[in-house]
């Protein structure tokens, strides 16, 4: 199977454990993958509040928590769930084909700020 147009192969889907964070880079941009309730999500990997690598954070109950100041982001939509961040994270479409995770190069149209 070839890579879907506009997507990049990231890793095997069976390697992504529930509520763990997996960093990866696309076109020199940091991103993260996580699995919540069996679904895999891809988000921007740097906090929108202050530069912090979200791969060092935690995922709990569908929220990605920034390790620096505790900003929270919904893993499905990227929306801010906890201040001090006010700008949502970009989210990216994910496809699993033949056990491989593919993530879109371009973000989904994001939530309103």
C-alpha atoms as a PDB file:
ATOM      1  CA  UNK A   1       0.000   0.000   0.000  1.00  0.00           C
ATOM      2  CA  UNK A   2       1.387   3.405  -0.890  1.00  0.00           C
ATOM      3  CA  UNK A   3       1.233   6.467   1.338  1.00  0.00           C
ATOM      4  CA  UNK A   4      -2.040   8.381   0.833  1.00  0.00           C
ATOM      5  CA  UNK A   5      -1.516  11.705  -0.920  1.00  0.00           C
ATOM      6  CA  UNK A   6      -0.803  14.522   1.541  1.00  0.00           C
ATOM      7  CA  UNK A   7       0.017  12.106   4.381  1.00  0.00           C
ATOM      8  CA  UNK A   8       3.193  10.772   5.973  1.00  0.00           C
ATOM      9  CA  UNK A   9       3.747   7.371   7.575  1.00  0.00           C
ATOM     10  CA  UNK A  10       4.500   7.746  11.280  1.00  0.00           C
ATOM     11  CA  UNK A  11       4.550   4.404  13.091  1.00  0.00           C
ATOM     12  CA  UNK A  12       2.743   1.101  13.589  1.00  0.00           C
ATOM     13  CA  UNK A  13      -0.689   1.559  15.152  1.00  0.00           C
ATOM     14  CA  UNK A  14      -0.197  -1.317  17.584  1.00  0.00           C
ATOM     15  CA  UNK A  15       2.785   0.518  19.131  1.00  0.00           C
ATOM     16  CA  UNK A  16       0.613   3.431  20.328  1.00  0.00           C
ATOM     17  CA  UNK A  17      -0.519   2.753  23.872  1.00  0.00           C
ATOM     18  CA  UNK A  18      -3.515   4.366  25.530  1.00  0.00           C
ATOM     19  CA  UNK A  19      -2.875   7.899  26.889  1.00  0.00           C
ATOM     20  CA  UNK A  20       0.861   7.878  26.123  1.00  0.00           C
ATOM     21  CA  UNK A  21       2.470  10.576  23.962  1.00  0.00           C
ATOM     22  CA  UNK A  22       4.604   9.842  20.905  1.00  0.00           C
ATOM     23  CA  UNK A  23       6.590  12.712  19.370  1.00  0.00           C
ATOM     24  CA  UNK A  24       7.300  12.879  15.636  1.00  0.00           C
ATOM     25  CA  UNK A  25       8.327  15.523  13.115  1.00  0.00           C
ATOM     26  CA  UNK A  26       6.711  16.437   9.782  1.00  0.00           C
ATOM     27  CA  UNK A  27       8.297  19.077   7.567  1.00  0.00           C
ATOM     28  CA  UNK A  28      10.422  20.261  10.535  1.00  0.00           C
ATOM     29  CA  UNK A  29       7.308  20.769  12.723  1.00  0.00           C
ATOM     30  CA  UNK A  30       7.004  18.983  16.075  1.00  0.00           C
ATOM     31  CA  UNK A  31       3.852  16.915  16.480  1.00  0.00           C
ATOM     32  CA  UNK A  32       2.529  14.312  18.876  1.00  0.00           C
ATOM     33  CA  UNK A  33       0.376  11.207  18.613  1.00  0.00           C
ATOM     34  CA  UNK A  34      -1.757   9.773  21.369  1.00  0.00           C
ATOM     35  CA  UNK A  35      -4.500   7.172  21.738  1.00  0.00           C
ATOM     36  CA  UNK A  36      -7.613   7.910  23.797  1.00  0.00           C
ATOM     37  CA  UNK A  37     -10.398   5.334  24.139  1.00  0.00           C
ATOM     38  CA  UNK A  38      -8.927   3.418  21.202  1.00  0.00           C
ATOM     39  CA  UNK A  39      -8.819   6.390  18.791  1.00  0.00           C
ATOM     40  CA  UNK A  40      -5.497   7.825  17.610  1.00  0.00           C
ATOM     41  CA  UNK A  41      -5.048  11.605  17.475  1.00  0.00           C
ATOM     42  CA  UNK A  42      -2.308  13.822  16.052  1.00  0.00           C
ATOM     43  CA  UNK A  43      -1.716  17.334  17.339  1.00  0.00           C
ATOM     44  CA  UNK A  44       0.767  20.170  17.156  1.00  0.00           C
ATOM     45  CA  UNK A  45       3.694  19.280  19.406  1.00  0.00           C
ATOM     46  CA  UNK A  46       4.532  22.694  20.874  1.00  0.00           C
ATOM     47  CA  UNK A  47       2.307  24.495  23.388  1.00  0.00           C
ATOM     48  CA  UNK A  48       0.657  27.648  22.048  1.00  0.00           C
ATOM     49  CA  UNK A  49       1.160  29.510  25.341  1.00  0.00           C
ATOM     50  CA  UNK A  50       4.937  29.385  25.685  1.00  0.00           C
ATOM     51  CA  UNK A  51       7.407  27.130  23.948  1.00  0.00           C
ATOM     52  CA  UNK A  52       7.158  23.749  25.632  1.00  0.00           C
ATOM     53  CA  UNK A  53       7.374  20.308  24.092  1.00  0.00           C
ATOM     54  CA  UNK A  54       4.041  18.614  24.637  1.00  0.00           C
ATOM     55  CA  UNK A  55       5.713  15.216  24.296  1.00  0.00           C
ATOM     56  CA  UNK A  56       6.939  15.843  27.868  1.00  0.00           C
ATOM     57  CA  UNK A  57       3.356  16.364  29.069  1.00  0.00           C
ATOM     58  CA  UNK A  58       0.613  13.900  29.950  1.00  0.00           C
ATOM     59  CA  UNK A  59      -2.708  12.758  28.542  1.00  0.00           C
ATOM     60  CA  UNK A  60      -5.549  12.196  30.964  1.00  0.00           C
ATOM     61  CA  UNK A  61      -9.268  11.804  30.228  1.00  0.00           C
ATOM     62  CA  UNK A  62      -8.884  13.134  26.680  1.00  0.00           C
ATOM     63  CA  UNK A  63      -6.842  16.181  27.692  1.00  0.00           C
ATOM     64  CA  UNK A  64      -3.230  16.797  26.653  1.00  0.00           C
ATOM     65  CA  UNK A  65      -1.506  18.645  29.504  1.00  0.00           C
ATOM     66  CA  UNK A  66       1.457  20.942  28.903  1.00  0.00           C
ATOM     67  CA  UNK A  67       4.381  20.214  31.245  1.00  0.00           C
ATOM     68  CA  UNK A  68       5.411  23.877  31.600  1.00  0.00           C
ATOM     69  CA  UNK A  69       2.375  25.784  32.936  1.00  0.00           C
ATOM     70  CA  UNK A  70      -0.394  23.172  32.947  1.00  0.00           C
ATOM     71  CA  UNK A  71      -2.358  24.333  29.911  1.00  0.00           C
ATOM     72  CA  UNK A  72      -4.824  21.686  28.798  1.00  0.00           C
ATOM     73  CA  UNK A  73      -5.948  20.855  25.254  1.00  0.00           C
ATOM     74  CA  UNK A  74      -8.721  18.548  24.039  1.00  0.00           C
ATOM     75  CA  UNK A  75      -7.028  15.800  22.004  1.00  0.00           C
ATOM     76  CA  UNK A  76      -9.935  15.562  19.548  1.00  0.00           C
ATOM     77  CA  UNK A  77     -10.359  19.241  18.693  1.00  0.00           C
ATOM     78  CA  UNK A  78      -7.210  20.949  19.982  1.00  0.00           C
ATOM     79  CA  UNK A  79      -9.386  23.396  21.937  1.00  0.00           C
ATOM     80  CA  UNK A  80      -7.996  24.872  25.130  1.00  0.00           C
ATOM     81  CA  UNK A  81      -9.522  23.245  28.206  1.00  0.00           C
ATOM     82  CA  UNK A  82      -7.308  24.854  30.839  1.00  0.00           C
ATOM     83  CA  UNK A  83      -5.514  28.222  30.964  1.00  0.00           C
ATOM     84  CA  UNK A  84      -3.009  29.878  30.656  1.00  0.00           C
ATOM     85  CA  UNK A  85      -3.056  28.930  26.942  1.00  0.00           C
ATOM     86  CA  UNK A  86      -5.769  30.671  24.926  1.00  0.00           C
ATOM     87  CA  UNK A  87      -4.878  29.548  21.382  1.00  0.00           C
ATOM     88  CA  UNK A  88      -5.936  26.022  20.361  1.00  0.00           C
ATOM     89  CA  UNK A  89      -3.514  23.440  19.006  1.00  0.00           C
ATOM     90  CA  UNK A  90      -3.573  22.450  15.364  1.00  0.00           C
ATOM     91  CA  UNK A  91      -4.932  18.945  14.840  1.00  0.00           C
ATOM     92  CA  UNK A  92      -4.194  16.593  11.958  1.00  0.00           C
ATOM     93  CA  UNK A  93      -6.235  13.893  10.269  1.00  0.00           C
ATOM     94  CA  UNK A  94      -5.087  10.347  11.038  1.00  0.00           C
ATOM     95  CA  UNK A  95      -5.608   7.259   8.899  1.00  0.00           C
ATOM     96  CA  UNK A  96      -4.627   3.722   9.845  1.00  0.00           C
ATOM     97  CA  UNK A  97      -3.960   1.588   6.781  1.00  0.00           C
ATOM     98  CA  UNK A  98      -2.653  -1.971   7.016  1.00  0.00           C
ATOM     99  CA  UNK A  99      -1.591  -1.332  10.615  1.00  0.00           C
ATOM    100  CA  UNK A 100       0.422   1.827   9.839  1.00  0.00           C
ATOM    101  CA  UNK A 101      -0.523   5.294  11.081  1.00  0.00           C
ATOM    102  CA  UNK A 102      -0.547   8.016   8.424  1.00  0.00           C
ATOM    103  CA  UNK A 103      -0.893  11.669   9.444  1.00  0.00           C
ATOM    104  CA  UNK A 104      -1.917  14.539   7.173  1.00  0.00           C
ATOM    105  CA  UNK A 105       0.771  17.105   6.389  1.00  0.00           C
ATOM    106  CA  UNK A 106      -1.747  19.959   6.598  1.00  0.00           C
ATOM    107  CA  UNK A 107      -3.828  20.691   9.719  1.00  0.00           C
ATOM    108  CA  UNK A 108      -7.573  20.254   9.869  1.00  0.00           C
ATOM    109  CA  UNK A 109      -9.496  23.515   9.873  1.00  0.00           C
ATOM    110  CA  UNK A 110      -8.995  24.388  13.510  1.00  0.00           C
ATOM    111  CA  UNK A 111     -11.438  25.272  16.246  1.00  0.00           C
ATOM    112  CA  UNK A 112     -12.256  28.895  16.907  1.00  0.00           C
ATOM    113  CA  UNK A 113      -9.890  30.555  19.342  1.00  0.00           C
END
